[in-house]
Amino acid sequence: MTPECAREQDVLDAAAAGRWPLRAEQDLRDHVEACAVCRDVAEIAAAFVEERDLAWTESEVPSASLVWWRTQIRAREEAARVAGRPIVIAQTVAIALLAAAAVLLMPASLRWLRASASAAAIAASSVTPRAADIANAFSLATGSTVPLMALTATALLAPIVVYLMLRSE
């Protein structure tokens, strides 16, 4: 159980007002000498008041013009951030639409690539047997959708990765 005294608040008020101990009333000083609780309170309150006064004298408050200047810089940065949000949203939507278009156009482009590879193979077969082998190898490489999908994913994601790495926030 914590001991209490009815005069603790009086001691705290005197210390906070800067009246302790020299300008405090005599009966309060006599009570503090007789009461262990109030003596501890007076000792601790005096330490806190001393620290408060020390902090008050040592603190360096910046000038009003510096505070105003920093506030203006923060306001401009926030305005630029708010103004840039629609641009970021538009870029995100554009990238999503580009990815969707690439996925939707992939089957048509795959057919075109296969037709081009076949035409190249037929044309090369009449030139030399070695050119026909190269054209067949090209045809086999484009016959699978995996390389095309990997190339498309790389082409789409590389700018996003570079943007995310280079942006400053």
N, C-alpha and C. Protein backbone atom coordinates (compact mmCIF):
# COMPACT_ATOMS: atom_id res chain seq x y z
N MET A 1 0.84 -1.19 0.00
CA MET A 1 0.00 0.00 0.00
C MET A 1 0.88 1.25 0.00
N THR A 2 0.53 2.22 -0.85
CA THR A 2 1.30 3.44 -0.99
C THR A 2 0.85 4.44 0.06
N PRO A 3 1.79 4.95 0.86
CA PRO A 3 1.39 5.96 1.84
C PRO A 3 1.06 7.28 1.15
N GLU A 4 0.09 7.98 1.68
CA GLU A 4 -0.32 9.27 1.12
C GLU A 4 -0.41 10.30 2.22
N CYS A 5 -0.34 11.53 1.78
CA CYS A 5 -0.47 12.64 2.72
C CYS A 5 -1.39 13.68 2.09
N ALA A 6 -2.17 14.35 2.89
CA ALA A 6 -3.12 15.35 2.39
C ALA A 6 -2.41 16.61 1.88
N ARG A 7 -1.16 16.82 2.27
CA ARG A 7 -0.45 18.03 1.88
C ARG A 7 0.49 17.83 0.67
N GLU A 8 0.46 16.61 0.05
CA GLU A 8 1.33 16.35 -1.11
C GLU A 8 1.11 17.36 -2.23
N GLN A 9 -0.16 17.63 -2.51
CA GLN A 9 -0.48 18.54 -3.61
C GLN A 9 0.02 19.95 -3.33
N ASP A 10 0.00 20.35 -2.06
CA ASP A 10 0.52 21.67 -1.70
C ASP A 10 2.03 21.75 -1.99
N VAL A 11 2.75 20.66 -1.67
CA VAL A 11 4.19 20.63 -1.93
C VAL A 11 4.44 20.69 -3.44
N LEU A 12 3.68 19.92 -4.21
CA LEU A 12 3.84 19.92 -5.67
C LEU A 12 3.53 21.30 -6.25
N ASP A 13 2.47 21.94 -5.77
CA ASP A 13 2.12 23.27 -6.27
C ASP A 13 3.22 24.29 -5.96
N ALA A 14 3.78 24.21 -4.77
CA ALA A 14 4.84 25.15 -4.39
C ALA A 14 6.08 24.92 -5.25
N ALA A 15 6.42 23.67 -5.51
CA ALA A 15 7.60 23.37 -6.33
C ALA A 15 7.38 23.82 -7.78
N ALA A 16 6.19 23.57 -8.32
CA ALA A 16 5.90 23.94 -9.70
C ALA A 16 5.89 25.47 -9.87
N ALA A 17 5.45 26.18 -8.85
CA ALA A 17 5.40 27.64 -8.92
C ALA A 17 6.75 28.27 -8.64
N GLY A 18 7.74 27.46 -8.26
CA GLY A 18 9.07 27.99 -7.98
C GLY A 18 9.19 28.58 -6.59
N ARG A 19 8.27 28.25 -5.70
CA ARG A 19 8.31 28.78 -4.34
C ARG A 19 9.01 27.84 -3.37
N TRP A 20 9.36 26.66 -3.80
CA TRP A 20 9.95 25.68 -2.88
C TRP A 20 11.46 25.76 -2.93
N PRO A 21 12.14 25.74 -1.86
CA PRO A 21 11.74 25.77 -0.46
C PRO A 21 11.80 27.16 0.16
N LEU A 22 12.47 28.10 -0.52
CA LEU A 22 12.75 29.39 0.13
C LEU A 22 11.51 30.26 0.31
N ARG A 23 10.61 30.27 -0.64
CA ARG A 23 9.46 31.17 -0.55
C ARG A 23 8.18 30.45 -0.16
N ALA A 24 8.28 29.21 0.28
CA ALA A 24 7.10 28.46 0.72
C ALA A 24 6.71 28.92 2.12
N GLU A 25 5.45 28.68 2.46
CA GLU A 25 4.98 29.08 3.79
C GLU A 25 5.69 28.24 4.85
N GLN A 26 5.87 28.83 6.01
CA GLN A 26 6.62 28.17 7.09
C GLN A 26 5.93 26.89 7.54
N ASP A 27 4.60 26.92 7.64
CA ASP A 27 3.91 25.71 8.11
C ASP A 27 4.07 24.55 7.11
N LEU A 28 4.15 24.83 5.81
CA LEU A 28 4.37 23.78 4.81
C LEU A 28 5.80 23.23 4.93
N ARG A 29 6.78 24.10 5.16
CA ARG A 29 8.16 23.63 5.34
C ARG A 29 8.29 22.78 6.60
N ASP A 30 7.61 23.18 7.66
CA ASP A 30 7.64 22.39 8.90
C ASP A 30 6.99 21.02 8.67
N HIS A 31 5.89 21.02 7.93
CA HIS A 31 5.21 19.74 7.64
C HIS A 31 6.12 18.82 6.80
N VAL A 32 6.82 19.35 5.83
CA VAL A 32 7.69 18.54 4.98
C VAL A 32 8.83 17.95 5.80
N GLU A 33 9.36 18.72 6.78
CA GLU A 33 10.42 18.18 7.63
C GLU A 33 9.91 17.04 8.47
N ALA A 34 8.63 17.05 8.86
CA ALA A 34 8.08 16.03 9.74
C ALA A 34 7.51 14.83 8.96
N CYS A 35 7.08 15.02 7.72
CA CYS A 35 6.40 13.97 6.94
C CYS A 35 7.37 13.37 5.91
N ALA A 36 7.58 12.04 5.97
CA ALA A 36 8.51 11.37 5.06
C ALA A 36 7.97 11.37 3.63
N VAL A 37 6.67 11.23 3.47
CA VAL A 37 6.07 11.21 2.12
C VAL A 37 6.26 12.57 1.45
N CYS A 38 5.95 13.62 2.15
CA CYS A 38 6.08 14.96 1.56
C CYS A 38 7.54 15.33 1.33
N ARG A 39 8.44 14.82 2.19
CA ARG A 39 9.87 15.08 1.99
C ARG A 39 10.33 14.44 0.66
N ASP A 40 9.89 13.20 0.42
CA ASP A 40 10.23 12.54 -0.85
C ASP A 40 9.62 13.28 -2.04
N VAL A 41 8.38 13.70 -1.90
CA VAL A 41 7.71 14.43 -2.97
C VAL A 41 8.45 15.73 -3.25
N ALA A 42 8.87 16.45 -2.22
CA ALA A 42 9.57 17.72 -2.39
C ALA A 42 10.91 17.50 -3.07
N GLU A 43 11.61 16.44 -2.69
CA GLU A 43 12.91 16.15 -3.29
C GLU A 43 12.77 15.83 -4.78
N ILE A 44 11.81 14.99 -5.11
CA ILE A 44 11.60 14.61 -6.51
C ILE A 44 11.06 15.79 -7.32
N ALA A 45 10.12 16.53 -6.78
CA ALA A 45 9.56 17.69 -7.49
C ALA A 45 10.64 18.74 -7.75
N ALA A 46 11.54 18.92 -6.80
CA ALA A 46 12.62 19.90 -6.98
C ALA A 46 13.53 19.47 -8.14
N ALA A 47 13.79 18.17 -8.25
CA ALA A 47 14.62 17.67 -9.35
C ALA A 47 13.92 17.90 -10.70
N PHE A 48 12.62 17.63 -10.72
CA PHE A 48 11.87 17.85 -11.96
C PHE A 48 11.83 19.33 -12.34
N VAL A 49 11.63 20.19 -11.39
CA VAL A 49 11.59 21.63 -11.66
C VAL A 49 12.95 22.11 -12.15
N GLU A 50 14.02 21.60 -11.55
CA GLU A 50 15.36 21.98 -11.98
C GLU A 50 15.61 21.53 -13.44
N GLU A 51 15.21 20.33 -13.79
CA GLU A 51 15.35 19.85 -15.16
C GLU A 51 14.50 20.67 -16.13
N ARG A 52 13.29 21.02 -15.70
CA ARG A 52 12.42 21.84 -16.56
C ARG A 52 13.06 23.19 -16.84
N ASP A 53 13.59 23.81 -15.80
CA ASP A 53 14.21 25.12 -15.98
C ASP A 53 15.46 25.03 -16.84
N LEU A 54 16.24 23.96 -16.68
CA LEU A 54 17.44 23.76 -17.48
C LEU A 54 17.07 23.56 -18.94
N ALA A 55 16.06 22.75 -19.18
CA ALA A 55 15.62 22.52 -20.56
C ALA A 55 15.08 23.81 -21.18
N TRP A 56 14.44 24.62 -20.38
CA TRP A 56 13.88 25.87 -20.89
C TRP A 56 14.98 26.83 -21.33
N THR A 57 16.07 26.87 -20.60
CA THR A 57 17.15 27.80 -20.94
C THR A 57 18.04 27.25 -22.05
N GLU A 58 18.17 25.92 -22.15
CA GLU A 58 19.07 25.34 -23.15
C GLU A 58 18.40 25.06 -24.49
N SER A 59 17.10 25.08 -24.54
CA SER A 59 16.44 24.75 -25.80
C SER A 59 16.63 25.88 -26.81
N GLU A 60 16.81 25.46 -28.07
CA GLU A 60 16.99 26.42 -29.14
C GLU A 60 15.77 26.37 -30.06
N VAL A 61 14.98 27.39 -29.98
CA VAL A 61 13.79 27.47 -30.81
C VAL A 61 14.18 28.13 -32.13
N PRO A 62 13.85 27.48 -33.26
CA PRO A 62 14.22 28.09 -34.55
C PRO A 62 13.43 29.37 -34.79
N SER A 63 13.98 30.19 -35.66
CA SER A 63 13.30 31.46 -35.95
C SER A 63 11.99 31.21 -36.70
N ALA A 64 11.13 32.17 -36.64
CA ALA A 64 9.83 32.04 -37.30
C ALA A 64 9.99 31.89 -38.81
N SER A 65 10.96 32.58 -39.38
CA SER A 65 11.15 32.47 -40.84
C SER A 65 11.59 31.07 -41.24
N LEU A 66 12.42 30.43 -40.43
CA LEU A 66 12.86 29.06 -40.72
C LEU A 66 11.69 28.09 -40.61
N VAL A 67 10.87 28.25 -39.59
CA VAL A 67 9.69 27.40 -39.45
C VAL A 67 8.76 27.61 -40.63
N TRP A 68 8.54 28.84 -41.06
CA TRP A 68 7.67 29.13 -42.20
C TRP A 68 8.24 28.51 -43.47
N TRP A 69 9.55 28.63 -43.68
CA TRP A 69 10.20 28.09 -44.86
C TRP A 69 10.04 26.57 -44.92
N ARG A 70 10.27 25.89 -43.80
CA ARG A 70 10.11 24.43 -43.76
C ARG A 70 8.66 24.03 -44.01
N THR A 71 7.75 24.79 -43.49
CA THR A 71 6.33 24.51 -43.71
C THR A 71 5.98 24.66 -45.19
N GLN A 72 6.52 25.67 -45.83
CA GLN A 72 6.26 25.87 -47.26
C GLN A 72 6.83 24.71 -48.09
N ILE A 73 8.02 24.25 -47.74
CA ILE A 73 8.62 23.12 -48.46
C ILE A 73 7.76 21.88 -48.30
N ARG A 74 7.32 21.61 -47.06
CA ARG A 74 6.46 20.44 -46.84
C ARG A 74 5.15 20.56 -47.61
N ALA A 75 4.59 21.75 -47.64
CA ALA A 75 3.32 21.94 -48.37
C ALA A 75 3.52 21.71 -49.86
N ARG A 76 4.63 22.18 -50.42
CA ARG A 76 4.90 21.95 -51.85
C ARG A 76 5.10 20.47 -52.15
N GLU A 77 5.84 19.79 -51.28
CA GLU A 77 6.06 18.35 -51.49
C GLU A 77 4.74 17.59 -51.44
N GLU A 78 3.90 17.94 -50.50
CA GLU A 78 2.61 17.27 -50.39
C GLU A 78 1.74 17.58 -51.60
N ALA A 79 1.77 18.81 -52.08
CA ALA A 79 0.99 19.17 -53.27
C ALA A 79 1.49 18.40 -54.49
N ALA A 80 2.80 18.25 -54.61
CA ALA A 80 3.35 17.49 -55.74
C ALA A 80 2.95 16.02 -55.65
N ARG A 81 2.95 15.49 -54.44
CA ARG A 81 2.54 14.09 -54.25
C ARG A 81 1.07 13.91 -54.61
N VAL A 82 0.25 14.83 -54.19
CA VAL A 82 -1.19 14.74 -54.50
C VAL A 82 -1.42 14.91 -55.99
N ALA A 83 -0.69 15.83 -56.62
CA ALA A 83 -0.85 16.06 -58.06
C ALA A 83 -0.36 14.86 -58.87
N GLY A 84 0.62 14.13 -58.36
CA GLY A 84 1.16 12.99 -59.09
C GLY A 84 0.33 11.73 -58.99
N ARG A 85 -0.60 11.66 -58.05
CA ARG A 85 -1.41 10.45 -57.89
C ARG A 85 -2.19 10.07 -59.14
N PRO A 86 -2.88 10.99 -59.81
CA PRO A 86 -3.59 10.60 -61.03
C PRO A 86 -2.66 10.07 -62.12
N ILE A 87 -1.45 10.62 -62.19
CA ILE A 87 -0.50 10.14 -63.19
C ILE A 87 -0.09 8.71 -62.88
N VAL A 88 0.16 8.41 -61.63
CA VAL A 88 0.52 7.05 -61.24
C VAL A 88 -0.63 6.09 -61.54
N ILE A 89 -1.85 6.52 -61.27
CA ILE A 89 -3.02 5.67 -61.55
C ILE A 89 -3.14 5.44 -63.05
N ALA A 90 -2.96 6.50 -63.84
CA ALA A 90 -3.04 6.35 -65.31
C ALA A 90 -1.94 5.42 -65.83
N GLN A 91 -0.74 5.53 -65.29
CA GLN A 91 0.34 4.64 -65.71
C GLN A 91 0.03 3.19 -65.35
N THR A 92 -0.52 2.97 -64.18
CA THR A 92 -0.87 1.62 -63.76
C THR A 92 -1.93 1.02 -64.66
N VAL A 93 -2.95 1.82 -64.98
CA VAL A 93 -4.01 1.34 -65.88
C VAL A 93 -3.44 1.05 -67.27
N ALA A 94 -2.57 1.91 -67.76
CA ALA A 94 -1.96 1.70 -69.08
C ALA A 94 -1.13 0.42 -69.12
N ILE A 95 -0.39 0.17 -68.08
CA ILE A 95 0.42 -1.06 -68.02
C ILE A 95 -0.48 -2.28 -67.96
N ALA A 96 -1.56 -2.20 -67.19
CA ALA A 96 -2.49 -3.33 -67.12
C ALA A 96 -3.16 -3.58 -68.47
N LEU A 97 -3.54 -2.51 -69.17
CA LEU A 97 -4.15 -2.68 -70.49
C LEU A 97 -3.14 -3.23 -71.49
N LEU A 98 -1.89 -2.80 -71.40
CA LEU A 98 -0.86 -3.32 -72.28
C LEU A 98 -0.64 -4.82 -72.04
N ALA A 99 -0.63 -5.22 -70.80
CA ALA A 99 -0.46 -6.64 -70.49
C ALA A 99 -1.65 -7.44 -71.00
N ALA A 100 -2.86 -6.91 -70.82
CA ALA A 100 -4.05 -7.61 -71.31
C ALA A 100 -4.03 -7.72 -72.83
N ALA A 101 -3.63 -6.65 -73.50
CA ALA A 101 -3.56 -6.69 -74.97
C ALA A 101 -2.52 -7.70 -75.43
N ALA A 102 -1.39 -7.76 -74.73
CA ALA A 102 -0.36 -8.74 -75.10
C ALA A 102 -0.87 -10.16 -74.94
N VAL A 103 -1.59 -10.41 -73.86
CA VAL A 103 -2.14 -11.76 -73.64
C VAL A 103 -3.19 -12.08 -74.69
N LEU A 104 -4.04 -11.11 -75.03
CA LEU A 104 -5.09 -11.36 -76.02
C LEU A 104 -4.53 -11.51 -77.43
N LEU A 105 -3.48 -10.79 -77.75
CA LEU A 105 -2.90 -10.85 -79.10
C LEU A 105 -1.88 -11.98 -79.27
N MET A 106 -1.52 -12.64 -78.17
CA MET A 106 -0.52 -13.68 -78.26
C MET A 106 -0.90 -14.82 -79.21
N PRO A 107 -2.13 -15.35 -79.19
CA PRO A 107 -2.46 -16.43 -80.12
C PRO A 107 -2.35 -16.00 -81.58
N ALA A 108 -2.80 -14.78 -81.91
CA ALA A 108 -2.72 -14.30 -83.29
C ALA A 108 -1.26 -14.13 -83.70
N SER A 109 -0.45 -13.57 -82.82
CA SER A 109 0.96 -13.37 -83.16
C SER A 109 1.68 -14.71 -83.24
N LEU A 110 1.25 -15.69 -82.45
CA LEU A 110 1.86 -17.01 -82.51
C LEU A 110 1.58 -17.66 -83.86
N ARG A 111 0.35 -17.52 -84.33
CA ARG A 111 0.02 -18.06 -85.65
C ARG A 111 0.85 -17.37 -86.74
N TRP A 112 1.00 -16.07 -86.63
CA TRP A 112 1.79 -15.32 -87.61
C TRP A 112 3.25 -15.76 -87.57
N LEU A 113 3.79 -15.95 -86.35
CA LEU A 113 5.17 -16.41 -86.23
C LEU A 113 5.36 -17.80 -86.83
N ARG A 114 4.40 -18.68 -86.58
CA ARG A 114 4.49 -20.03 -87.15
C ARG A 114 4.44 -19.97 -88.68
N ALA A 115 3.53 -19.15 -89.21
CA ALA A 115 3.43 -19.02 -90.66
C ALA A 115 4.71 -18.44 -91.23
N SER A 116 5.28 -17.44 -90.54
CA SER A 116 6.54 -16.85 -91.00
C SER A 116 7.67 -17.87 -90.96
N ALA A 117 7.70 -18.67 -89.91
CA ALA A 117 8.74 -19.68 -89.79
C ALA A 117 8.59 -20.74 -90.88
N SER A 118 7.37 -21.13 -91.17
CA SER A 118 7.15 -22.12 -92.23
C SER A 118 7.56 -21.54 -93.59
N ALA A 119 7.18 -20.29 -93.85
CA ALA A 119 7.55 -19.66 -95.11
C ALA A 119 9.07 -19.54 -95.21
N ALA A 120 9.71 -19.21 -94.10
CA ALA A 120 11.16 -19.10 -94.11
C ALA A 120 11.79 -20.46 -94.35
N ALA A 121 11.20 -21.49 -93.77
CA ALA A 121 11.74 -22.85 -93.97
C ALA A 121 11.59 -23.28 -95.42
N ILE A 122 10.45 -23.00 -96.04
CA ILE A 122 10.25 -23.37 -97.45
C ILE A 122 11.21 -22.58 -98.34
N ALA A 123 11.35 -21.31 -98.08
CA ALA A 123 12.26 -20.49 -98.88
C ALA A 123 13.70 -20.93 -98.69
N ALA A 124 14.07 -21.26 -97.49
CA ALA A 124 15.44 -21.65 -97.21
C ALA A 124 15.76 -23.04 -97.75
N SER A 125 14.77 -23.90 -97.84
CA SER A 125 15.03 -25.25 -98.33
C SER A 125 15.45 -25.24 -99.80
N SER A 126 15.00 -24.24 -100.53
CA SER A 126 15.40 -24.16 -101.92
C SER A 126 16.78 -23.54 -102.09
N VAL A 127 17.26 -22.84 -101.06
CA VAL A 127 18.55 -22.17 -101.15
C VAL A 127 19.68 -23.16 -100.91
N THR A 128 19.77 -23.67 -99.71
CA THR A 128 20.80 -24.65 -99.38
C THR A 128 20.26 -25.59 -98.31
N PRO A 129 20.79 -26.76 -98.18
CA PRO A 129 20.33 -27.67 -97.13
C PRO A 129 20.65 -27.14 -95.73
N ARG A 130 21.76 -26.42 -95.57
CA ARG A 130 22.11 -25.88 -94.25
C ARG A 130 21.13 -24.79 -93.82
N ALA A 131 20.71 -23.95 -94.72
CA ALA A 131 19.74 -22.90 -94.40
C ALA A 131 18.41 -23.51 -94.01
N ALA A 132 18.06 -24.64 -94.61
CA ALA A 132 16.81 -25.31 -94.26
C ALA A 132 16.87 -25.82 -92.83
N ASP A 133 18.03 -26.30 -92.40
CA ASP A 133 18.17 -26.76 -91.02
C ASP A 133 18.00 -25.61 -90.03
N ILE A 134 18.57 -24.46 -90.36
CA ILE A 134 18.42 -23.28 -89.50
C ILE A 134 16.97 -22.85 -89.44
N ALA A 135 16.30 -22.85 -90.55
CA ALA A 135 14.89 -22.45 -90.58
C ALA A 135 14.03 -23.44 -89.80
N ASN A 136 14.34 -24.71 -89.88
CA ASN A 136 13.58 -25.70 -89.10
C ASN A 136 13.82 -25.51 -87.61
N ALA A 137 15.04 -25.20 -87.24
CA ALA A 137 15.33 -24.95 -85.83
C ALA A 137 14.55 -23.73 -85.35
N PHE A 138 14.50 -22.68 -86.15
CA PHE A 138 13.72 -21.49 -85.81
C PHE A 138 12.25 -21.85 -85.69
N SER A 139 11.77 -22.69 -86.58
CA SER A 139 10.37 -23.11 -86.56
C SER A 139 10.06 -23.89 -85.31
N LEU A 140 10.97 -24.75 -84.87
CA LEU A 140 10.75 -25.52 -83.65
C LEU A 140 10.76 -24.62 -82.42
N ALA A 141 11.66 -23.63 -82.43
CA ALA A 141 11.75 -22.73 -81.28
C ALA A 141 10.50 -21.88 -81.14
N THR A 142 9.90 -21.48 -82.25
CA THR A 142 8.70 -20.66 -82.18
C THR A 142 7.44 -21.49 -82.12
N GLY A 143 7.57 -22.77 -82.29
CA GLY A 143 6.39 -23.64 -82.22
C GLY A 143 5.86 -23.77 -80.81
N SER A 144 6.68 -23.54 -79.83
CA SER A 144 6.26 -23.62 -78.44
C SER A 144 5.88 -22.22 -77.95
N THR A 145 4.89 -22.15 -77.12
CA THR A 145 4.45 -20.85 -76.60
C THR A 145 5.29 -20.39 -75.42
N VAL A 146 6.06 -21.27 -74.83
CA VAL A 146 6.83 -20.91 -73.65
C VAL A 146 7.86 -19.82 -73.95
N PRO A 147 8.68 -19.94 -75.01
CA PRO A 147 9.64 -18.85 -75.26
C PRO A 147 8.95 -17.53 -75.57
N LEU A 148 7.85 -17.60 -76.29
CA LEU A 148 7.14 -16.36 -76.62
C LEU A 148 6.54 -15.72 -75.37
N MET A 149 5.99 -16.53 -74.50
CA MET A 149 5.43 -15.99 -73.26
C MET A 149 6.54 -15.42 -72.37
N ALA A 150 7.67 -16.09 -72.33
CA ALA A 150 8.78 -15.58 -71.53
C ALA A 150 9.28 -14.25 -72.09
N LEU A 151 9.39 -14.16 -73.39
CA LEU A 151 9.82 -12.91 -74.02
C LEU A 151 8.82 -11.79 -73.77
N THR A 152 7.54 -12.10 -73.88
CA THR A 152 6.50 -11.09 -73.64
C THR A 152 6.51 -10.64 -72.19
N ALA A 153 6.61 -11.58 -71.25
CA ALA A 153 6.64 -11.23 -69.83
C ALA A 153 7.85 -10.37 -69.51
N THR A 154 8.98 -10.71 -70.09
CA THR A 154 10.19 -9.91 -69.86
C THR A 154 10.02 -8.50 -70.42
N ALA A 155 9.47 -8.41 -71.62
CA ALA A 155 9.28 -7.10 -72.24
C ALA A 155 8.31 -6.24 -71.45
N LEU A 156 7.30 -6.86 -70.84
CA LEU A 156 6.32 -6.10 -70.08
C LEU A 156 6.80 -5.76 -68.68
N LEU A 157 7.49 -6.66 -68.03
CA LEU A 157 7.86 -6.46 -66.63
C LEU A 157 9.16 -5.69 -66.44
N ALA A 158 10.04 -5.71 -67.41
CA ALA A 158 11.31 -5.02 -67.25
C ALA A 158 11.15 -3.52 -66.99
N PRO A 159 10.32 -2.80 -67.73
CA PRO A 159 10.17 -1.36 -67.41
C PRO A 159 9.56 -1.12 -66.04
N ILE A 160 8.67 -2.00 -65.62
CA ILE A 160 8.05 -1.83 -64.30
C ILE A 160 9.10 -2.03 -63.21
N VAL A 161 9.91 -3.05 -63.36
CA VAL A 161 10.96 -3.31 -62.37
C VAL A 161 11.95 -2.15 -62.33
N VAL A 162 12.32 -1.64 -63.47
CA VAL A 162 13.25 -0.50 -63.51
C VAL A 162 12.61 0.72 -62.87
N TYR A 163 11.34 0.98 -63.14
CA TYR A 163 10.65 2.11 -62.53
C TYR A 163 10.61 1.97 -61.02
N LEU A 164 10.25 0.80 -60.54
CA LEU A 164 10.16 0.62 -59.09
C LEU A 164 11.52 0.74 -58.41
N MET A 165 12.57 0.35 -59.09
CA MET A 165 13.90 0.46 -58.51
C MET A 165 14.40 1.91 -58.49
N LEU A 166 14.03 2.69 -59.46
CA LEU A 166 14.58 4.04 -59.60
C LEU A 166 13.73 5.14 -58.99
N ARG A 167 12.48 4.84 -58.66
CA ARG A 167 11.64 5.92 -58.12
C ARG A 167 12.08 6.26 -56.72
N SER A 168 11.85 7.47 -56.32
CA SER A 168 12.29 7.93 -55.00
C SER A 168 11.07 8.33 -54.19
N GLU A 169 10.89 7.60 -53.10
CA GLU A 169 9.80 7.93 -52.17
C GLU A 169 10.21 7.59 -50.79
